[in-house]
Amino acid sequence: MRSIARSACTAALAGALLLTGTVFSGNAAAVGEGPDYQGNEKIRTSILSTYDEVVDFLKTQDARQDAMELEVIGQTVKGRDIHLAKYVSDPGNPTILYLAQQHGNEQLTTEAMLHTIKSLGSPSKASLLEDVNVLFIPMFNADGAMGDVNFPLDDYLAAGERHLTRYNANEVDLNRDHVAKAEPETRALHENVLSVYDIDYAIDLHHQGTQSRVNGDLVSGSILYPTTPDVSPELVERSKQLGAVVYQNVDRTGWGHIGRYDGGSANTIGRNGMAAEYGIATLLFEMRGMSDHEYAPYVLGQKSNGYLIHQSVVTMEATIAAVADGSVSKADTSFWDTLPQQCDTC
């Protein structure tokens, strides 16, 4: 599967991004059992969009789409621009933010975001964008995504043009920097996005390891609302409603299998920090498997890329629509009461 940015102008991409056919058929268990790395597969980073390809794609879409505006919100440690793709038709509209690749080795959500951005340029989406503002940060940790860091990656497993690492160039986990804001990437997000735009909802898109299960089956991903004690029950409920939209739309695909993520309560974590400091209803979505790592059980075989990208597209398109028409505020959150927490042995 070629990277979305790399193949954006080809007929092959148009067919691939219809996201139909046998790649996404079958039951949840069959998809969940998709190939682990375990030393048996080549994990090639050449199929993933590079930073330069992502930037070229965003600039192309910015030139083609009247509703889209591309903004540079800051720079990484190594000086790469951090881009915000935004659709703001009316400041009074509800606004949703999508953040991808806080961890540089979690890239399939970025590929999905590029597809979602491209799809918003369709004339059929014009009326939708009249009722919602949408903000995308496709590659937050560009240095980690390109393996351009100040520490060795010799033990990482992927083969190809580059390694991808969780950390930024200073070996800092950006998803633990939302209180100190010590890193330039985190400061850019807080100073030039979270403090500037009136954001109602946010989804922080990540990848997790490959071994977590619910009811005996490997999950395709897991979700969680803010768990910090510093947010009100009302904000938690709004976050759970956002999660309900995601769960219902992924679950109805027939191959999505979602669990509850086991996450911490510290405000240093993105979903907690954004909720506590700015009153944003937030959701964490952890897709199964990473694009590179030094620990084999975290890396997923490439044959799973298609359904994971599609799962992220479903997540973004469904929540944009639900925020636009207001149905997110009516979403039934009772499923959270029985949603099993994922674990590696259950």
Protein backbone atom coordinates (compact mmCIF):
# COMPACT_ATOMS: atom_id res chain seq x y z
CA MET A 1 0.00 0.00 0.00
CA ARG A 2 1.58 3.25 -1.06
CA SER A 3 1.47 6.28 1.20
CA ILE A 4 -1.57 8.48 0.75
CA ALA A 5 0.46 11.61 0.11
CA ARG A 6 2.73 9.87 -2.35
CA SER A 7 -0.11 8.48 -4.44
CA ALA A 8 -2.64 11.28 -4.01
CA CYS A 9 -2.68 12.26 -7.67
CA THR A 10 -3.05 8.78 -9.12
CA ALA A 11 -6.07 6.78 -10.17
CA ALA A 12 -4.78 3.96 -7.99
CA LEU A 13 -5.24 6.11 -4.91
CA ALA A 14 -8.82 6.90 -5.84
CA GLY A 15 -9.58 3.20 -5.93
CA ALA A 16 -7.69 2.41 -2.76
CA LEU A 17 -9.36 5.14 -0.75
CA LEU A 18 -12.82 3.97 -1.62
CA LEU A 19 -12.02 1.60 1.24
CA THR A 20 -14.14 -1.17 -0.15
CA GLY A 21 -13.57 -4.79 -0.98
CA THR A 22 -12.19 -7.71 0.96
CA VAL A 23 -9.65 -5.68 2.92
CA PHE A 24 -12.42 -4.51 5.25
CA SER A 25 -14.75 -7.49 5.15
CA GLY A 26 -14.96 -10.28 7.69
CA ASN A 27 -15.64 -10.32 11.40
CA ALA A 28 -13.88 -8.47 14.17
CA ALA A 29 -11.91 -11.48 15.36
CA ALA A 30 -10.49 -12.16 11.92
CA VAL A 31 -9.35 -8.58 11.53
CA GLY A 32 -8.05 -8.40 15.07
CA GLU A 33 -5.88 -11.45 14.49
CA GLY A 34 -4.11 -9.59 11.66
CA PRO A 35 -0.38 -10.18 11.48
CA ASP A 36 1.91 -9.41 14.37
CA TYR A 37 5.50 -8.60 13.52
CA GLN A 38 7.21 -11.25 15.67
CA GLY A 39 10.23 -11.22 13.39
CA ASN A 40 8.31 -12.84 10.55
CA GLU A 41 7.42 -9.78 8.48
CA LYS A 42 9.33 -6.92 6.96
CA ILE A 43 8.03 -3.61 8.25
CA ARG A 44 8.95 -1.05 5.61
CA THR A 45 8.72 2.63 6.35
CA SER A 46 8.89 3.49 2.65
CA ILE A 47 5.13 2.91 2.38
CA LEU A 48 4.47 5.73 4.87
CA SER A 49 4.28 9.40 3.96
CA THR A 50 7.40 11.36 4.78
CA TYR A 51 7.24 14.77 6.40
CA ASP A 52 7.95 16.47 3.06
CA GLU A 53 5.21 14.46 1.36
CA VAL A 54 2.71 15.38 4.07
CA VAL A 55 3.59 19.07 3.67
CA ASP A 56 3.32 18.87 -0.13
CA PHE A 57 -0.05 17.17 0.18
CA LEU A 58 -1.36 19.81 2.59
CA LYS A 59 -0.17 22.66 0.36
CA THR A 60 -1.80 21.05 -2.66
CA GLN A 61 -5.12 20.66 -0.83
CA ASP A 62 -4.88 24.21 0.48
CA ALA A 63 -4.56 25.48 -3.08
CA ARG A 64 -7.48 23.35 -4.28
CA GLN A 65 -9.94 23.82 -1.42
CA ASP A 66 -11.52 27.20 -0.85
CA ALA A 67 -12.77 26.18 2.59
CA MET A 68 -9.36 25.08 3.83
CA GLU A 69 -6.61 27.26 5.26
CA LEU A 70 -3.13 26.02 6.13
CA GLU A 71 -1.34 27.58 9.07
CA VAL A 72 2.11 27.00 10.58
CA ILE A 73 1.69 26.95 14.35
CA GLY A 74 5.35 26.50 15.30
CA GLN A 75 8.45 24.42 14.74
CA THR A 76 9.84 21.17 16.06
CA VAL A 77 13.18 20.86 17.85
CA LYS A 78 14.86 20.31 14.47
CA GLY A 79 13.07 23.27 12.87
CA ARG A 80 10.33 21.48 10.92
CA ASP A 81 7.12 23.49 10.56
CA ILE A 82 4.09 22.10 12.41
CA HIS A 83 1.01 22.52 10.24
CA LEU A 84 -2.61 23.12 11.18
CA ALA A 85 -5.18 22.47 8.44
CA LYS A 86 -8.33 24.33 9.37
CA TYR A 87 -11.89 24.71 8.16
CA VAL A 88 -13.41 27.68 10.00
CA SER A 89 -16.54 28.97 8.28
CA ASP A 90 -18.03 30.67 11.32
CA PRO A 91 -16.30 31.25 14.67
CA GLY A 92 -19.66 30.64 16.32
CA ASN A 93 -19.84 27.07 15.04
CA PRO A 94 -18.89 24.16 17.29
CA THR A 95 -15.24 23.26 16.72
CA ILE A 96 -13.49 19.89 16.78
CA LEU A 97 -9.73 19.28 16.81
CA TYR A 98 -7.97 16.13 15.59
CA LEU A 99 -4.38 15.59 16.72
CA ALA A 100 -2.20 12.87 15.16
CA GLN A 101 1.33 11.65 15.76
CA GLN A 102 2.12 13.05 19.15
CA HIS A 103 4.17 9.86 19.06
CA GLY A 104 6.20 9.72 15.88
CA ASN A 105 5.94 5.94 15.44
CA GLU A 106 2.12 6.02 15.31
CA GLN A 107 1.57 7.10 11.73
CA LEU A 108 -1.48 5.37 10.25
CA THR A 109 -3.72 7.95 11.89
CA THR A 110 -1.80 10.60 9.93
CA GLU A 111 -2.41 8.73 6.68
CA ALA A 112 -6.11 8.61 7.56
CA MET A 113 -6.15 12.31 8.36
CA LEU A 114 -4.76 13.13 4.92
CA HIS A 115 -7.59 11.16 3.34
CA THR A 116 -10.16 12.91 5.52
CA ILE A 117 -8.76 16.31 4.54
CA LYS A 118 -8.93 15.35 0.87
CA SER A 119 -12.52 14.16 1.26
CA LEU A 120 -13.58 17.49 2.80
CA GLY A 121 -12.69 19.11 -0.51
CA SER A 122 -15.55 17.28 -2.18
CA PRO A 123 -18.51 19.51 -3.20
CA SER A 124 -20.76 17.16 -1.26
CA LYS A 125 -19.09 18.28 1.99
CA ALA A 126 -19.66 22.00 1.46
CA SER A 127 -22.95 22.14 3.35
CA LEU A 128 -21.48 20.06 6.20
CA LEU A 129 -18.69 22.56 6.70
CA GLU A 130 -21.19 25.39 7.09
CA ASP A 131 -22.14 24.01 10.52
CA VAL A 132 -18.84 22.89 12.05
CA ASN A 133 -15.27 24.12 12.32
CA VAL A 134 -12.62 21.43 11.93
CA LEU A 135 -8.95 21.62 12.91
CA PHE A 136 -6.36 18.99 11.92
CA ILE A 137 -2.76 18.60 13.06
CA PRO A 138 -1.60 15.67 10.91
CA MET A 139 2.04 15.24 12.02
CA PHE A 140 2.65 16.86 15.38
CA ASN A 141 5.94 15.11 16.15
CA ALA A 142 7.62 15.35 12.75
CA ASP A 143 11.15 14.80 14.08
CA GLY A 144 10.15 11.53 15.72
CA ALA A 145 8.24 10.51 12.60
CA MET A 146 11.34 11.01 10.48
CA GLY A 147 13.73 9.45 13.00
CA ASP A 148 15.66 12.71 13.09
CA VAL A 149 16.49 12.63 16.78
CA ASN A 150 19.42 13.14 19.16
CA PHE A 151 19.58 9.54 20.37
CA PRO A 152 20.24 6.17 18.68
CA LEU A 153 17.48 4.07 17.07
CA ASP A 154 19.71 1.09 16.23
CA ASP A 155 17.42 -1.48 17.86
CA TYR A 156 14.25 -0.34 16.09
CA LEU A 157 12.68 -3.02 13.91
CA ALA A 158 11.41 -1.34 10.74
CA ALA A 159 13.36 -1.53 7.51
CA GLY A 160 13.37 1.18 4.88
CA GLU A 161 14.23 4.81 4.51
CA ARG A 162 13.88 5.77 8.15
CA HIS A 163 12.96 4.69 11.65
CA LEU A 164 10.04 6.21 13.54
CA THR A 165 10.19 6.80 17.28
CA ARG A 166 7.72 7.66 20.03
CA TYR A 167 9.80 10.59 21.28
CA ASN A 168 10.69 13.99 19.92
CA ALA A 169 14.27 14.89 19.04
CA ASN A 170 15.06 15.58 22.71
CA GLU A 171 13.80 12.08 23.69
CA VAL A 172 10.74 13.58 25.38
CA ASP A 173 7.30 11.99 25.26
CA LEU A 174 5.17 14.91 24.06
CA ASN A 175 2.06 13.26 25.49
CA ARG A 176 3.52 13.75 28.95
CA ASP A 177 4.38 17.43 28.45
CA HIS A 178 0.97 19.10 28.66
CA VAL A 179 1.64 20.75 32.04
CA ALA A 180 5.31 21.74 31.83
CA LYS A 181 5.06 22.54 28.09
CA ALA A 182 8.83 22.31 27.99
CA GLU A 183 9.14 21.24 24.36
CA PRO A 184 8.63 23.55 21.37
CA GLU A 185 6.02 21.24 19.84
CA THR A 186 3.85 21.28 22.97
CA ARG A 187 4.20 25.03 23.40
CA ALA A 188 3.12 25.55 19.80
CA LEU A 189 -0.03 23.47 20.35
CA HIS A 190 -1.01 25.27 23.53
CA GLU A 191 -0.02 28.82 22.58
CA ASN A 192 -1.18 28.84 18.97
CA VAL A 193 -4.10 26.41 18.86
CA LEU A 194 -5.61 25.55 22.23
CA SER A 195 -5.36 29.12 23.54
CA VAL A 196 -6.49 30.72 20.28
CA TYR A 197 -9.43 28.67 19.00
CA ASP A 198 -12.65 28.06 20.90
CA ILE A 199 -12.50 24.27 20.73
CA ASP A 200 -15.45 22.20 21.94
CA TYR A 201 -14.24 18.68 21.14
CA ALA A 202 -10.89 17.01 20.49
CA ILE A 203 -9.80 13.51 19.51
CA ASP A 204 -6.21 12.52 20.22
CA LEU A 205 -5.32 9.74 17.77
CA HIS A 206 -2.69 7.20 18.81
CA HIS A 207 -1.55 3.60 18.36
CA GLN A 208 -1.01 1.06 21.11
CA GLY A 209 0.55 -2.39 21.29
CA THR A 210 -0.77 -5.44 19.46
CA GLN A 211 -1.73 -7.86 22.21
CA SER A 212 -4.72 -6.30 24.00
CA ARG A 213 -7.97 -8.25 24.00
CA VAL A 214 -11.61 -7.93 24.96
CA ASN A 215 -13.74 -11.04 25.39
CA GLY A 216 -10.93 -13.18 24.04
CA ASP A 217 -10.50 -11.29 20.76
CA LEU A 218 -7.72 -8.87 19.91
CA VAL A 219 -9.06 -5.34 19.79
CA SER A 220 -8.79 -3.07 16.76
CA GLY A 221 -8.41 -0.17 19.17
CA SER A 222 -9.46 1.31 22.48
CA ILE A 223 -11.01 4.58 23.67
CA LEU A 224 -11.07 6.65 26.84
CA TYR A 225 -12.49 9.97 28.05
CA PRO A 226 -10.56 12.34 30.39
CA THR A 227 -9.90 10.69 33.75
CA THR A 228 -8.34 13.63 35.58
CA PRO A 229 -10.17 14.69 38.76
CA ASP A 230 -9.86 18.30 37.57
CA VAL A 231 -12.79 18.22 35.14
CA SER A 232 -16.50 18.39 35.84
CA PRO A 233 -18.90 15.46 35.47
CA GLU A 234 -20.63 17.44 32.73
CA LEU A 235 -17.41 17.63 30.69
CA VAL A 236 -16.77 13.92 31.20
CA GLU A 237 -20.30 13.23 29.95
CA ARG A 238 -19.73 15.31 26.82
CA SER A 239 -16.48 13.42 26.25
CA LYS A 240 -18.32 10.13 26.68
CA GLN A 241 -20.85 11.29 24.08
CA LEU A 242 -18.01 11.88 21.63
CA GLY A 243 -16.79 8.38 22.42
CA ALA A 244 -20.27 7.00 21.83
CA VAL A 245 -20.29 8.37 18.28
CA VAL A 246 -16.92 6.73 17.62
CA TYR A 247 -17.88 3.42 19.19
CA GLN A 248 -21.20 3.12 17.40
CA ASN A 249 -19.77 3.93 13.98
CA VAL A 250 -16.71 1.68 14.29
CA ASP A 251 -18.70 -1.15 15.86
CA ARG A 252 -21.28 -1.18 13.08
CA THR A 253 -18.57 -1.86 10.49
CA GLY A 254 -18.58 -5.47 11.63
CA TRP A 255 -14.79 -5.67 11.89
CA GLY A 256 -14.09 -3.00 14.50
CA HIS A 257 -13.61 -4.39 18.01
CA ILE A 258 -13.20 -1.67 20.64
CA GLY A 259 -12.24 -1.83 24.29
CA ARG A 260 -11.83 0.68 27.09
CA TYR A 261 -8.27 1.95 27.37
CA ASP A 262 -6.50 1.70 30.71
CA GLY A 263 -5.16 5.23 30.97
CA GLY A 264 -3.74 7.45 33.68
CA SER A 265 -5.27 10.50 35.34
CA ALA A 266 -2.35 12.95 35.14
CA ASN A 267 -2.90 16.30 33.46
CA THR A 268 0.44 15.87 31.69
CA ILE A 269 -1.43 13.54 29.29
CA GLY A 270 -3.02 15.25 26.32
CA ARG A 271 -6.65 14.23 26.75
CA ASN A 272 -6.55 15.15 30.45
CA GLY A 273 -4.56 18.36 30.10
CA MET A 274 -6.73 19.75 27.28
CA ALA A 275 -9.89 18.98 29.23
CA ALA A 276 -8.64 20.42 32.53
CA GLU A 277 -7.04 23.60 31.17
CA TYR A 278 -9.42 24.52 28.36
CA GLY A 279 -12.72 22.77 29.11
CA ILE A 280 -12.53 20.71 25.91
CA ALA A 281 -14.45 17.43 25.71
CA THR A 282 -11.68 15.01 24.74
CA LEU A 283 -11.37 11.44 23.57
CA LEU A 284 -8.33 9.23 23.25
CA PHE A 285 -8.45 6.61 20.48
CA GLU A 286 -5.62 4.07 20.45
CA MET A 287 -5.44 2.06 17.22
CA ARG A 288 -3.88 -1.40 17.34
CA GLY A 289 -0.18 -1.67 16.52
CA MET A 290 2.68 0.74 15.80
CA SER A 291 4.69 1.46 12.65
CA ASP A 292 8.08 0.96 14.34
CA HIS A 293 9.49 0.18 17.77
CA GLU A 294 12.34 -1.65 19.43
CA TYR A 295 9.86 -4.02 21.15
CA ALA A 296 8.35 -6.53 18.72
CA PRO A 297 4.92 -6.96 20.41
CA TYR A 298 4.20 -3.28 19.74
CA VAL A 299 4.72 -3.51 15.96
CA LEU A 300 1.95 -4.72 13.65
CA GLY A 301 2.36 -6.30 10.25
CA GLN A 302 1.62 -4.09 7.27
CA LYS A 303 -1.33 -6.16 6.05
CA SER A 304 -3.37 -4.49 8.81
CA ASN A 305 -2.66 -0.96 7.57
CA GLY A 306 -5.77 -0.70 5.41
CA TYR A 307 -8.35 -1.44 8.08
CA LEU A 308 -6.57 0.71 10.67
CA ILE A 309 -6.51 3.68 8.30
CA HIS A 310 -10.17 3.09 7.52
CA GLN A 311 -11.02 2.88 11.23
CA SER A 312 -9.46 6.31 11.73
CA VAL A 313 -11.31 7.74 8.72
CA VAL A 314 -14.61 6.40 10.09
CA THR A 315 -13.79 8.01 13.43
CA MET A 316 -13.10 11.45 11.96
CA GLU A 317 -15.91 11.54 9.40
CA ALA A 318 -18.53 10.30 11.88
CA THR A 319 -17.59 12.79 14.59
CA ILE A 320 -17.41 15.73 12.18
CA ALA A 321 -20.95 14.92 11.04
CA ALA A 322 -22.22 14.44 14.60
CA VAL A 323 -20.78 17.75 15.77
CA ALA A 324 -22.15 19.51 12.69
CA ASP A 325 -25.73 18.31 13.11
CA GLY A 326 -25.70 18.39 16.92
CA SER A 327 -26.41 14.68 17.32
CA VAL A 328 -23.26 14.26 19.43
CA SER A 329 -25.10 15.99 22.28
CA LYS A 330 -27.82 13.32 22.16
CA ALA A 331 -25.49 10.31 21.98
CA ASP A 332 -26.29 7.49 24.42
CA THR A 333 -23.34 6.95 26.75
CA SER A 334 -24.73 3.91 28.55
CA PHE A 335 -22.42 1.58 26.60
CA TRP A 336 -19.52 2.89 28.70
CA ASP A 337 -21.05 1.13 31.72
CA THR A 338 -20.44 -2.27 30.16
CA LEU A 339 -17.51 -1.58 27.79
CA PRO A 340 -14.78 -4.00 28.95
CA GLN A 341 -11.36 -2.69 29.76
CA GLN A 342 -8.84 -4.24 27.41
CA CYS A 343 -5.98 -6.33 28.76
CA ASP A 344 -3.27 -8.58 27.38
CA THR A 345 -4.60 -11.75 28.98
CA CYS A 346 -8.41 -11.44 28.91
